Amino acid sequence: QMVGVSLPGTGFSFKYDGLGRRVEKAEGGNKLQYVYDNEDIVAILDGQNNLVALFHHGPGIDEPLGMEDQTQGGQHFYLHADALGSVKAVTDQSKQVVERVEYEIFGQPTFTDLRGGAAVTSEASFTASPYAFTARERDSEIGVQLNSNRYYFPSVGRFLQEDPIGIPGGVNLFLYAINQPLKYTDPTGLRPLSTDEKALLSPYIPSVDLENADVIEDRVPWYLSDEMDGITRGNKIYLRPGAYHPGTLDGTALLGHELVHVGQYRKGATVLSFLWSYKFGYWKSRYERTAYAIQRRIYADLEGTLPRNNAGCSR
């Protein structure tokens, strides 16, 4: 992750939590702190823990619906998106359009303030909303947007960091949405499921979860028990080094287990509800019972058709 940027006359530094979420952005003595519900920012605080903004999100991935901006007297703004999820217009409490946003093909935005007599344009939102192209958070001071795990430069249509999957991600590891930004999005900068993985798991997992899941191989949060081969947070599936082997029975069952959790988060589960479900033991969790039921089905259905790799699944 990018930890700092130096610009003429100023500079920015960033901090992240154990899940890779950015929790702080600082410029000199000015600091913004980000509070999350799973993958969604629900509040921004300043360096003295004063509330700067509150956000409301829909059930989908990258679906901001509105914000309460304390820098403008607690005014409420509502965000309206296009088919890609990009914010195209902002309305106020009186249902008036106060801002419109236009994008170049790879997402470079132009914001137009409609509240005055003459329209004024800028590369930063006049409502202080951080959400723009594909509803990702934009750092207008730097000209980049944060796609969860990598920073994206919409003015050139490339990520600033390599794809963490390496060569399997393609020859160009900085490519955005396989160079088709009007058709695809890349909300996390990580790898989606492969065609083969989707085909194997489509009888067990809803297509919406197969399409939305992102896989982080060979990296897990520090707090994950050594007994566990994988963990899911939101639509991100973290797999322990050496635990996952694509195309094997054990690997497919492990991935299927974690994809069940992706669906559970999509339907409203939270990290807190997962932790609460373990109060009487891991094996009694309603979330884990459902995931293991699918895992057992995969083993039963595909036994003998896929090779084994003898890795443990999930626990």
C-alpha atoms as a PDB file:
ATOM      1  CA  GLN A   1       0.000   0.000   0.000  1.00  0.00           C
ATOM      2  CA  MET A   2       1.073   3.563  -0.657  1.00  0.00           C
ATOM      3  CA  VAL A   3       2.219   5.180   2.594  1.00  0.00           C
ATOM      4  CA  GLY A   4       3.006   8.686   1.384  1.00  0.00           C
ATOM      5  CA  VAL A   5       3.009  11.180  -1.470  1.00  0.00           C
ATOM      6  CA  SER A   6       5.228  14.225  -1.884  1.00  0.00           C
ATOM      7  CA  LEU A   7       3.930  17.150  -3.916  1.00  0.00           C
ATOM      8  CA  PRO A   8       5.371  20.649  -4.455  1.00  0.00           C
ATOM      9  CA  GLY A   9       4.844  22.493  -1.200  1.00  0.00           C
ATOM     10  CA  THR A  10       2.979  19.699   0.578  1.00  0.00           C
ATOM     11  CA  GLY A  11       2.814  15.976   1.249  1.00  0.00           C
ATOM     12  CA  PHE A  12       0.395  13.279   2.353  1.00  0.00           C
ATOM     13  CA  SER A  13       0.800  10.188   4.531  1.00  0.00           C
ATOM     14  CA  PHE A  14      -1.532   7.206   4.908  1.00  0.00           C
ATOM     15  CA  LYS A  15      -2.170   4.505   7.509  1.00  0.00           C
ATOM     16  CA  TYR A  16      -4.017   1.183   7.136  1.00  0.00           C
ATOM     17  CA  ASP A  17      -5.536  -1.425   9.435  1.00  0.00           C
ATOM     18  CA  GLY A  18      -4.915  -5.171   9.502  1.00  0.00           C
ATOM     19  CA  LEU A  19      -7.463  -5.737   6.716  1.00  0.00           C
ATOM     20  CA  GLY A  20      -5.726  -3.282   4.408  1.00  0.00           C
ATOM     21  CA  ARG A  21      -8.390  -0.587   4.806  1.00  0.00           C
ATOM     22  CA  ARG A  22      -7.105   2.977   4.852  1.00  0.00           C
ATOM     23  CA  VAL A  23      -7.869   4.455   8.258  1.00  0.00           C
ATOM     24  CA  GLU A  24      -5.988   7.741   8.110  1.00  0.00           C
ATOM     25  CA  LYS A  25      -4.926  10.423   5.627  1.00  0.00           C
ATOM     26  CA  ALA A  26      -2.741  13.271   6.864  1.00  0.00           C
ATOM     27  CA  GLU A  27      -1.435  16.437   5.263  1.00  0.00           C
ATOM     28  CA  GLY A  28       0.926  18.253   7.602  1.00  0.00           C
ATOM     29  CA  GLY A  29      -1.010  18.815  10.819  1.00  0.00           C
ATOM     30  CA  ASN A  30      -4.375  18.098   9.199  1.00  0.00           C
ATOM     31  CA  LYS A  31      -5.666  14.576   9.635  1.00  0.00           C
ATOM     32  CA  LEU A  32      -8.735  12.625   8.503  1.00  0.00           C
ATOM     33  CA  GLN A  33      -9.683   9.318  10.133  1.00  0.00           C
ATOM     34  CA  TYR A  34     -11.997   6.763   8.515  1.00  0.00           C
ATOM     35  CA  VAL A  35     -14.501   4.567  10.385  1.00  0.00           C
ATOM     36  CA  TYR A  36     -15.770   1.420   8.631  1.00  0.00           C
ATOM     37  CA  ASP A  37     -18.662  -0.999   8.607  1.00  0.00           C
ATOM     38  CA  ASN A  38     -17.071  -3.954   6.813  1.00  0.00           C
ATOM     39  CA  GLU A  39     -15.802  -2.364   3.567  1.00  0.00           C
ATOM     40  CA  ASP A  40     -17.922   0.795   3.710  1.00  0.00           C
ATOM     41  CA  ILE A  41     -16.824   4.111   5.187  1.00  0.00           C
ATOM     42  CA  VAL A  42     -19.564   5.195   7.597  1.00  0.00           C
ATOM     43  CA  ALA A  43     -17.871   8.237   9.141  1.00  0.00           C
ATOM     44  CA  ILE A  44     -14.909  10.556   8.738  1.00  0.00           C
ATOM     45  CA  LEU A  45     -13.353  12.223  11.796  1.00  0.00           C
ATOM     46  CA  ASP A  46     -10.720  14.933  12.035  1.00  0.00           C
ATOM     47  CA  GLY A  47      -7.534  14.728  14.098  1.00  0.00           C
ATOM     48  CA  GLN A  48      -9.415  15.739  17.266  1.00  0.00           C
ATOM     49  CA  ASN A  49     -12.068  13.039  16.668  1.00  0.00           C
ATOM     50  CA  ASN A  50     -14.671  15.602  15.644  1.00  0.00           C
ATOM     51  CA  LEU A  51     -17.226  14.339  13.151  1.00  0.00           C
ATOM     52  CA  VAL A  52     -16.594  15.575   9.597  1.00  0.00           C
ATOM     53  CA  ALA A  53     -19.104  13.487   7.642  1.00  0.00           C
ATOM     54  CA  LEU A  54     -21.494  10.533   7.938  1.00  0.00           C
ATOM     55  CA  PHE A  55     -22.289   8.166   5.059  1.00  0.00           C
ATOM     56  CA  HIS A  56     -25.156   5.831   4.207  1.00  0.00           C
ATOM     57  CA  HIS A  57     -24.716   2.821   1.930  1.00  0.00           C
ATOM     58  CA  GLY A  58     -26.906   0.317   0.143  1.00  0.00           C
ATOM     59  CA  PRO A  59     -26.497  -3.464   0.499  1.00  0.00           C
ATOM     60  CA  GLY A  60     -24.284  -3.859  -2.571  1.00  0.00           C
ATOM     61  CA  ILE A  61     -20.559  -3.376  -3.030  1.00  0.00           C
ATOM     62  CA  ASP A  62     -19.603   0.272  -3.584  1.00  0.00           C
ATOM     63  CA  GLU A  63     -23.147   1.602  -3.233  1.00  0.00           C
ATOM     64  CA  PRO A  64     -22.982   4.954  -1.386  1.00  0.00           C
ATOM     65  CA  LEU A  65     -26.423   6.525  -1.168  1.00  0.00           C
ATOM     66  CA  GLY A  66     -25.985   9.697   0.838  1.00  0.00           C
ATOM     67  CA  MET A  67     -23.915  11.734   3.232  1.00  0.00           C
ATOM     68  CA  GLU A  68     -24.269  14.259   6.020  1.00  0.00           C
ATOM     69  CA  ASP A  69     -21.579  16.928   5.670  1.00  0.00           C
ATOM     70  CA  GLN A  70     -20.705  18.605   8.967  1.00  0.00           C
ATOM     71  CA  THR A  71     -18.452  21.099   7.160  1.00  0.00           C
ATOM     72  CA  GLN A  72     -21.580  22.520   5.502  1.00  0.00           C
ATOM     73  CA  GLY A  73     -23.794  22.780   8.556  1.00  0.00           C
ATOM     74  CA  GLY A  74     -24.881  19.140   8.671  1.00  0.00           C
ATOM     75  CA  GLN A  75     -26.462  19.353   5.230  1.00  0.00           C
ATOM     76  CA  HIS A  76     -27.644  16.089   3.691  1.00  0.00           C
ATOM     77  CA  PHE A  77     -26.666  15.140   0.148  1.00  0.00           C
ATOM     78  CA  TYR A  78     -27.900  12.181  -1.905  1.00  0.00           C
ATOM     79  CA  LEU A  79     -25.735  10.409  -4.487  1.00  0.00           C
ATOM     80  CA  HIS A  80     -27.101   9.163  -7.816  1.00  0.00           C
ATOM     81  CA  ALA A  81     -25.127   6.622  -9.845  1.00  0.00           C
ATOM     82  CA  ASP A  82     -25.025   5.238 -13.385  1.00  0.00           C
ATOM     83  CA  ALA A  83     -24.814   1.589 -14.461  1.00  0.00           C
ATOM     84  CA  LEU A  84     -21.136   1.344 -13.467  1.00  0.00           C
ATOM     85  CA  GLY A  85     -21.901   2.756 -10.035  1.00  0.00           C
ATOM     86  CA  SER A  86     -20.160   6.075 -10.793  1.00  0.00           C
ATOM     87  CA  VAL A  87     -21.706   9.064  -9.050  1.00  0.00           C
ATOM     88  CA  LYS A  88     -23.298  11.219 -11.757  1.00  0.00           C
ATOM     89  CA  ALA A  89     -25.365  13.672  -9.724  1.00  0.00           C
ATOM     90  CA  VAL A  90     -25.811  14.928  -6.169  1.00  0.00           C
ATOM     91  CA  THR A  91     -29.096  16.284  -4.812  1.00  0.00           C
ATOM     92  CA  ASP A  92     -29.857  18.124  -1.605  1.00  0.00           C
ATOM     93  CA  GLN A  93     -32.697  17.788   0.903  1.00  0.00           C
ATOM     94  CA  SER A  94     -35.021  19.824  -1.313  1.00  0.00           C
ATOM     95  CA  LYS A  95     -34.427  17.372  -4.189  1.00  0.00           C
ATOM     96  CA  GLN A  96     -32.503  19.953  -6.198  1.00  0.00           C
ATOM     97  CA  VAL A  97     -29.511  18.840  -8.256  1.00  0.00           C
ATOM     98  CA  VAL A  98     -26.565  20.689  -6.741  1.00  0.00           C
ATOM     99  CA  GLU A  99     -23.734  18.917  -8.564  1.00  0.00           C
ATOM    100  CA  ARG A 100     -23.192  16.923 -11.735  1.00  0.00           C
ATOM    101  CA  VAL A 101     -20.204  14.766 -12.580  1.00  0.00           C
ATOM    102  CA  GLU A 102     -18.884  13.861 -16.025  1.00  0.00           C
ATOM    103  CA  TYR A 103     -16.123  11.343 -16.691  1.00  0.00           C
ATOM    104  CA  GLU A 104     -13.514  10.671 -19.322  1.00  0.00           C
ATOM    105  CA  ILE A 105     -13.448   7.077 -20.552  1.00  0.00           C
ATOM    106  CA  PHE A 106     -11.112   5.795 -17.790  1.00  0.00           C
ATOM    107  CA  GLY A 107     -12.824   7.758 -15.053  1.00  0.00           C
ATOM    108  CA  GLN A 108     -11.169  11.167 -14.777  1.00  0.00           C
ATOM    109  CA  PRO A 109     -13.992  13.317 -13.300  1.00  0.00           C
ATOM    110  CA  THR A 110     -15.136  16.874 -13.789  1.00  0.00           C
ATOM    111  CA  PHE A 111     -17.478  18.192 -11.085  1.00  0.00           C
ATOM    112  CA  THR A 112     -19.910  21.017 -11.847  1.00  0.00           C
ATOM    113  CA  ASP A 113     -21.412  23.083  -9.032  1.00  0.00           C
ATOM    114  CA  LEU A 114     -24.981  24.089  -9.934  1.00  0.00           C
ATOM    115  CA  ARG A 115     -25.819  26.045  -6.794  1.00  0.00           C
ATOM    116  CA  GLY A 116     -24.659  29.456  -8.001  1.00  0.00           C
ATOM    117  CA  GLY A 117     -25.786  31.555 -10.915  1.00  0.00           C
ATOM    118  CA  ALA A 118     -23.028  30.352 -13.244  1.00  0.00           C
ATOM    119  CA  ALA A 119     -21.840  26.755 -13.299  1.00  0.00           C
ATOM    120  CA  VAL A 120     -18.351  26.259 -11.838  1.00  0.00           C
ATOM    121  CA  THR A 121     -16.206  23.188 -12.583  1.00  0.00           C
ATOM    122  CA  SER A 122     -13.440  21.471 -10.648  1.00  0.00           C
ATOM    123  CA  GLU A 123     -11.609  18.149 -10.297  1.00  0.00           C
ATOM    124  CA  ALA A 124     -12.908  17.943  -6.708  1.00  0.00           C
ATOM    125  CA  SER A 125     -16.479  17.603  -5.469  1.00  0.00           C
ATOM    126  CA  PHE A 126     -18.097  20.807  -4.230  1.00  0.00           C
ATOM    127  CA  THR A 127     -20.099  18.753  -1.721  1.00  0.00           C
ATOM    128  CA  ALA A 128     -16.960  17.173  -0.202  1.00  0.00           C
ATOM    129  CA  SER A 129     -18.191  13.703  -1.157  1.00  0.00           C
ATOM    130  CA  PRO A 130     -15.202  11.388  -1.683  1.00  0.00           C
ATOM    131  CA  TYR A 131     -17.127   9.111  -4.068  1.00  0.00           C
ATOM    132  CA  ALA A 132     -16.765   9.409  -7.834  1.00  0.00           C
ATOM    133  CA  PHE A 133     -15.823   6.909 -10.573  1.00  0.00           C
ATOM    134  CA  THR A 134     -17.327   3.452  -9.856  1.00  0.00           C
ATOM    135  CA  ALA A 135     -18.157   4.844  -6.389  1.00  0.00           C
ATOM    136  CA  ARG A 136     -14.598   4.558  -5.148  1.00  0.00           C
ATOM    137  CA  GLU A 137     -13.005   7.110  -2.811  1.00  0.00           C
ATOM    138  CA  ARG A 138     -11.145   9.856  -4.679  1.00  0.00           C
ATOM    139  CA  ASP A 139      -8.201  11.860  -3.353  1.00  0.00           C
ATOM    140  CA  SER A 140      -8.686  14.956  -5.481  1.00  0.00           C
ATOM    141  CA  GLU A 141      -5.560  16.618  -4.055  1.00  0.00           C
ATOM    142  CA  ILE A 142      -3.441  13.836  -5.558  1.00  0.00           C
ATOM    143  CA  GLY A 143      -5.594  12.873  -8.541  1.00  0.00           C
ATOM    144  CA  VAL A 144      -5.965   9.200  -7.588  1.00  0.00           C
ATOM    145  CA  GLN A 145      -8.748   6.995  -6.259  1.00  0.00           C
ATOM    146  CA  LEU A 146      -8.439   4.143  -3.779  1.00  0.00           C
ATOM    147  CA  ASN A 147      -9.722   0.835  -5.113  1.00  0.00           C
ATOM    148  CA  SER A 148      -9.410  -0.877  -1.716  1.00  0.00           C
ATOM    149  CA  ASN A 149      -6.010  -2.518  -2.189  1.00  0.00           C
ATOM    150  CA  ARG A 150      -4.440  -0.440  -4.949  1.00  0.00           C
ATOM    151  CA  TYR A 151      -4.493   3.187  -5.981  1.00  0.00           C
ATOM    152  CA  TYR A 152      -5.864   3.952  -9.437  1.00  0.00           C
ATOM    153  CA  PHE A 153      -4.854   6.919 -11.623  1.00  0.00           C
ATOM    154  CA  PRO A 154      -7.941   7.649 -13.795  1.00  0.00           C
ATOM    155  CA  SER A 155      -6.226  10.328 -15.873  1.00  0.00           C
ATOM    156  CA  VAL A 156      -3.966   7.629 -17.362  1.00  0.00           C
ATOM    157  CA  GLY A 157      -6.185   4.571 -16.812  1.00  0.00           C
ATOM    158  CA  ARG A 158      -3.633   2.586 -14.819  1.00  0.00           C
ATOM    159  CA  PHE A 159      -3.073   1.378 -11.269  1.00  0.00           C
ATOM    160  CA  LEU A 160      -0.078   2.765  -9.407  1.00  0.00           C
ATOM    161  CA  GLN A 161       0.835  -0.634  -7.960  1.00  0.00           C
ATOM    162  CA  GLU A 162       1.221  -4.020  -9.618  1.00  0.00           C
ATOM    163  CA  ASP A 163      -1.549  -6.599  -9.462  1.00  0.00           C
ATOM    164  CA  PRO A 164      -0.656  -8.654  -6.342  1.00  0.00           C
ATOM    165  CA  ILE A 165      -1.527 -11.912  -8.124  1.00  0.00           C
ATOM    166  CA  GLY A 166       1.508 -11.442 -10.385  1.00  0.00           C
ATOM    167  CA  ILE A 167       1.837 -12.857 -13.901  1.00  0.00           C
ATOM    168  CA  PRO A 168      -1.506 -14.768 -13.791  1.00  0.00           C
ATOM    169  CA  GLY A 169      -3.116 -11.327 -13.698  1.00  0.00           C
ATOM    170  CA  GLY A 170      -1.846 -10.663 -17.225  1.00  0.00           C
ATOM    171  CA  VAL A 171       1.204  -9.258 -18.980  1.00  0.00           C
ATOM    172  CA  ASN A 172       0.426  -5.688 -17.862  1.00  0.00           C
ATOM    173  CA  LEU A 173       0.100  -5.774 -14.078  1.00  0.00           C
ATOM    174  CA  PHE A 174      -1.015  -2.129 -13.929  1.00  0.00           C
ATOM    175  CA  LEU A 175      -3.986  -2.580 -16.277  1.00  0.00           C
ATOM    176  CA  TYR A 176      -7.434  -1.392 -15.197  1.00  0.00           C
ATOM    177  CA  ALA A 177     -10.506  -3.573 -15.937  1.00  0.00           C
ATOM    178  CA  ILE A 178      -8.747  -5.308 -18.869  1.00  0.00           C
ATOM    179  CA  ASN A 179      -8.805  -1.971 -20.716  1.00  0.00           C
ATOM    180  CA  GLN A 180     -12.616  -2.012 -20.936  1.00  0.00           C
ATOM    181  CA  PRO A 181     -13.674   0.622 -18.357  1.00  0.00           C
ATOM    182  CA  LEU A 182     -17.122   1.106 -19.873  1.00  0.00           C
ATOM    183  CA  LYS A 183     -17.944  -2.580 -19.397  1.00  0.00           C
ATOM    184  CA  TYR A 184     -16.069  -3.749 -16.294  1.00  0.00           C
ATOM    185  CA  THR A 185     -15.057  -2.370 -12.907  1.00  0.00           C
ATOM    186  CA  ASP A 186     -12.241  -3.299 -10.551  1.00  0.00           C
ATOM    187  CA  PRO A 187     -13.415  -2.192  -7.091  1.00  0.00           C
ATOM    188  CA  THR A 188     -10.616  -3.767  -5.089  1.00  0.00           C
ATOM    189  CA  GLY A 189      -7.693  -3.975  -7.490  1.00  0.00           C
ATOM    190  CA  LEU A 190      -7.472  -7.710  -6.766  1.00  0.00           C
ATOM    191  CA  ARG A 191      -8.173 -10.738  -8.863  1.00  0.00           C
ATOM    192  CA  PRO A 192     -11.723 -11.946  -9.534  1.00  0.00           C
ATOM    193  CA  LEU A 193     -12.569 -15.627  -9.838  1.00  0.00           C
ATOM    194  CA  SER A 194     -11.311 -17.293 -12.994  1.00  0.00           C
ATOM    195  CA  THR A 195     -13.649 -18.725 -15.604  1.00  0.00           C
ATOM    196  CA  ASP A 196     -12.785 -22.260 -14.450  1.00  0.00           C
ATOM    197  CA  GLU A 197     -13.449 -21.430 -10.798  1.00  0.00           C
ATOM    198  CA  LYS A 198     -16.838 -19.950 -11.657  1.00  0.00           C
ATOM    199  CA  ALA A 199     -17.757 -22.968 -13.776  1.00  0.00           C
ATOM    200  CA  LEU A 200     -16.896 -25.418 -10.995  1.00  0.00           C
ATOM    201  CA  LEU A 201     -18.764 -23.492  -8.324  1.00  0.00           C
ATOM    202  CA  SER A 202     -21.774 -22.186 -10.259  1.00  0.00           C
ATOM    203  CA  PRO A 203     -24.008 -25.115  -9.137  1.00  0.00           C
ATOM    204  CA  TYR A 204     -23.416 -24.122  -5.499  1.00  0.00           C
ATOM    205  CA  ILE A 205     -22.901 -20.351  -5.385  1.00  0.00           C
ATOM    206  CA  PRO A 206     -25.170 -17.549  -6.725  1.00  0.00           C
ATOM    207  CA  SER A 207     -23.720 -15.832  -9.782  1.00  0.00           C
ATOM    208  CA  VAL A 208     -23.771 -12.430  -8.065  1.00  0.00           C
ATOM    209  CA  ASP A 209     -21.273 -13.712  -5.491  1.00  0.00           C
ATOM    210  CA  LEU A 210     -19.123 -15.436  -8.122  1.00  0.00           C
ATOM    211  CA  GLU A 211     -18.889 -12.131  -9.992  1.00  0.00           C
ATOM    212  CA  ASN A 212     -18.315  -9.883  -6.967  1.00  0.00           C
ATOM    213  CA  ALA A 213     -15.780 -11.931  -5.008  1.00  0.00           C
ATOM    214  CA  ASP A 214     -12.124 -10.952  -4.931  1.00  0.00           C
ATOM    215  CA  VAL A 215      -9.411 -13.421  -3.994  1.00  0.00           C
ATOM    216  CA  ILE A 216      -6.256 -12.530  -2.083  1.00  0.00           C
ATOM    217  CA  GLU A 217      -3.980 -15.557  -2.277  1.00  0.00           C
ATOM    218  CA  ASP A 218      -1.046 -16.181   0.055  1.00  0.00           C
ATOM    219  CA  ARG A 219      -2.036 -13.437   2.499  1.00  0.00           C
ATOM    220  CA  VAL A 220      -4.281 -13.531   5.560  1.00  0.00           C
ATOM    221  CA  PRO A 221      -4.952 -11.071   8.407  1.00  0.00           C
ATOM    222  CA  TRP A 222      -2.540 -11.317  11.314  1.00  0.00           C
ATOM    223  CA  TYR A 223      -5.261 -12.401  13.741  1.00  0.00           C
ATOM    224  CA  LEU A 224      -6.290 -15.516  11.774  1.00  0.00           C
ATOM    225  CA  SER A 225      -5.761 -18.709  13.751  1.00  0.00           C
ATOM    226  CA  ASP A 226      -3.049 -21.040  12.437  1.00  0.00           C
ATOM    227  CA  GLU A 227      -5.733 -23.731  12.155  1.00  0.00           C
ATOM    228  CA  MET A 228      -7.652 -21.694   9.583  1.00  0.00           C
ATOM    229  CA  ASP A 229      -6.826 -21.792   5.864  1.00  0.00           C
ATOM    230  CA  GLY A 230      -9.049 -18.890   4.852  1.00  0.00           C
ATOM    231  CA  ILE A 231     -11.226 -16.039   6.028  1.00  0.00           C
ATOM    232  CA  THR A 232     -13.710 -13.755   4.283  1.00  0.00           C
ATOM    233  CA  ARG A 233     -14.444 -10.111   4.993  1.00  0.00           C
ATOM    234  CA  GLY A 234     -17.127  -8.589   2.801  1.00  0.00           C
ATOM    235  CA  ASN A 235     -16.366  -9.713  -0.748  1.00  0.00           C
ATOM    236  CA  LYS A 236     -12.668 -10.328  -0.061  1.00  0.00           C
ATOM    237  CA  ILE A 237     -11.463 -13.902   0.390  1.00  0.00           C
ATOM    238  CA  TYR A 238      -8.069 -14.223   2.100  1.00  0.00           C
ATOM    239  CA  LEU A 239      -6.296 -17.575   1.635  1.00  0.00           C
ATOM    240  CA  ARG A 240      -3.276 -18.753   3.608  1.00  0.00           C
ATOM    241  CA  PRO A 241      -0.024 -19.412   1.697  1.00  0.00           C
ATOM    242  CA  GLY A 242      -0.074 -22.944   0.302  1.00  0.00           C
ATOM    243  CA  ALA A 243      -3.692 -23.594   1.273  1.00  0.00           C
ATOM    244  CA  TYR A 244      -5.386 -23.062  -2.059  1.00  0.00           C
ATOM    245  CA  HIS A 245      -4.686 -25.071  -5.226  1.00  0.00           C
ATOM    246  CA  PRO A 246      -7.024 -24.198  -8.126  1.00  0.00           C
ATOM    247  CA  GLY A 247      -8.601 -27.118  -9.925  1.00  0.00           C
ATOM    248  CA  THR A 248      -8.268 -29.521  -7.002  1.00  0.00           C
ATOM    249  CA  LEU A 249     -11.095 -30.940  -4.928  1.00  0.00           C
ATOM    250  CA  ASP A 250      -9.766 -29.494  -1.675  1.00  0.00           C
ATOM    251  CA  GLY A 251      -9.116 -26.101  -3.211  1.00  0.00           C
ATOM    252  CA  THR A 252     -12.569 -25.940  -4.815  1.00  0.00           C
ATOM    253  CA  ALA A 253     -14.246 -26.933  -1.550  1.00  0.00           C
ATOM    254  CA  LEU A 254     -12.259 -24.312   0.375  1.00  0.00           C
ATOM    255  CA  LEU A 255     -13.142 -21.588  -2.115  1.00  0.00           C
ATOM    256  CA  GLY A 256     -16.794 -22.653  -2.099  1.00  0.00           C
ATOM    257  CA  HIS A 257     -16.884 -22.431   1.690  1.00  0.00           C
ATOM    258  CA  GLU A 258     -15.552 -18.882   1.654  1.00  0.00           C
ATOM    259  CA  LEU A 259     -17.883 -17.839  -1.182  1.00  0.00           C
ATOM    260  CA  VAL A 260     -20.844 -18.782   1.007  1.00  0.00           C
ATOM    261  CA  HIS A 261     -19.589 -16.134   3.432  1.00  0.00           C
ATOM    262  CA  VAL A 262     -19.393 -13.578   0.598  1.00  0.00           C
ATOM    263  CA  GLY A 263     -23.104 -14.163   0.059  1.00  0.00           C
ATOM    264  CA  GLN A 264     -23.818 -13.867   3.766  1.00  0.00           C
ATOM    265  CA  TYR A 265     -22.131 -10.463   3.893  1.00  0.00           C
ATOM    266  CA  ARG A 266     -24.066  -9.405   0.796  1.00  0.00           C
ATOM    267  CA  LYS A 267     -27.303 -10.267   2.605  1.00  0.00           C
ATOM    268  CA  GLY A 268     -26.445  -8.136   5.624  1.00  0.00           C
ATOM    269  CA  ALA A 269     -24.026 -10.073   7.835  1.00  0.00           C
ATOM    270  CA  THR A 270     -21.313  -8.016   9.538  1.00  0.00           C
ATOM    271  CA  VAL A 271     -18.029  -8.794  11.257  1.00  0.00           C
ATOM    272  CA  LEU A 272     -19.808  -8.255  14.578  1.00  0.00           C
ATOM    273  CA  SER A 273     -22.625 -10.668  13.720  1.00  0.00           C
ATOM    274  CA  PHE A 274     -20.045 -13.292  12.709  1.00  0.00           C
ATOM    275  CA  LEU A 275     -18.218 -12.885  16.027  1.00  0.00           C
ATOM    276  CA  TRP A 276     -21.497 -13.052  17.944  1.00  0.00           C
ATOM    277  CA  SER A 277     -22.419 -16.280  16.163  1.00  0.00           C
ATOM    278  CA  TYR A 278     -19.296 -17.930  17.625  1.00  0.00           C
ATOM    279  CA  LYS A 279     -20.304 -17.292  21.255  1.00  0.00           C
ATOM    280  CA  PHE A 280     -21.316 -20.953  21.731  1.00  0.00           C
ATOM    281  CA  GLY A 281     -18.439 -22.302  19.641  1.00  0.00           C
ATOM    282  CA  TYR A 282     -17.182 -22.141  16.065  1.00  0.00           C
ATOM    283  CA  TRP A 283     -19.039 -25.246  14.946  1.00  0.00           C
ATOM    284  CA  LYS A 284     -22.370 -23.920  16.228  1.00  0.00           C
ATOM    285  CA  SER A 285     -22.192 -20.706  14.205  1.00  0.00           C
ATOM    286  CA  ARG A 286     -25.127 -20.510  11.784  1.00  0.00           C
ATOM    287  CA  TYR A 287     -22.824 -18.947   9.199  1.00  0.00           C
ATOM    288  CA  GLU A 288     -20.282 -21.771   9.432  1.00  0.00           C
ATOM    289  CA  ARG A 289     -22.923 -24.509   9.428  1.00  0.00           C
ATOM    290  CA  THR A 290     -24.259 -23.204   6.110  1.00  0.00           C
ATOM    291  CA  ALA A 291     -20.773 -22.879   4.624  1.00  0.00           C
ATOM    292  CA  TYR A 292     -19.757 -26.382   5.698  1.00  0.00           C
ATOM    293  CA  ALA A 293     -22.969 -27.816   4.248  1.00  0.00           C
ATOM    294  CA  ILE A 294     -21.979 -26.432   0.825  1.00  0.00           C
ATOM    295  CA  GLN A 295     -18.416 -27.617   1.341  1.00  0.00           C
ATOM    296  CA  ARG A 296     -19.643 -31.164   2.005  1.00  0.00           C
ATOM    297  CA  ARG A 297     -21.842 -31.050  -1.113  1.00  0.00           C
ATOM    298  CA  ILE A 298     -18.853 -30.048  -3.221  1.00  0.00           C
ATOM    299  CA  TYR A 299     -16.811 -32.954  -1.847  1.00  0.00           C
ATOM    300  CA  ALA A 300     -19.647 -35.397  -2.433  1.00  0.00           C
ATOM    301  CA  ASP A 301     -20.425 -34.216  -5.961  1.00  0.00           C
ATOM    302  CA  LEU A 302     -16.882 -33.794  -7.273  1.00  0.00           C
ATOM    303  CA  GLU A 303     -15.089 -36.690  -5.538  1.00  0.00           C
ATOM    304  CA  GLY A 304     -13.197 -38.638  -8.174  1.00  0.00           C
ATOM    305  CA  THR A 305     -13.506 -35.933 -10.818  1.00  0.00           C
ATOM    306  CA  LEU A 306     -10.866 -33.577  -9.378  1.00  0.00           C
ATOM    307  CA  PRO A 307      -7.444 -34.395  -7.898  1.00  0.00           C
ATOM    308  CA  ARG A 308      -6.798 -33.952  -4.189  1.00  0.00           C
ATOM    309  CA  ASN A 309      -4.147 -31.673  -2.747  1.00  0.00           C
ATOM    310  CA  ASN A 310      -4.631 -32.728   0.881  1.00  0.00           C
ATOM    311  CA  ALA A 311      -4.936 -29.171   2.195  1.00  0.00           C
ATOM    312  CA  GLY A 312      -7.316 -28.447   5.019  1.00  0.00           C
ATOM    313  CA  CYS A 313     -10.427 -26.396   4.397  1.00  0.00           C
ATOM    314  CA  SER A 314     -11.253 -23.358   6.481  1.00  0.00           C
ATOM    315  CA  ARG A 315     -10.438 -25.062   9.782  1.00  0.00           C
END
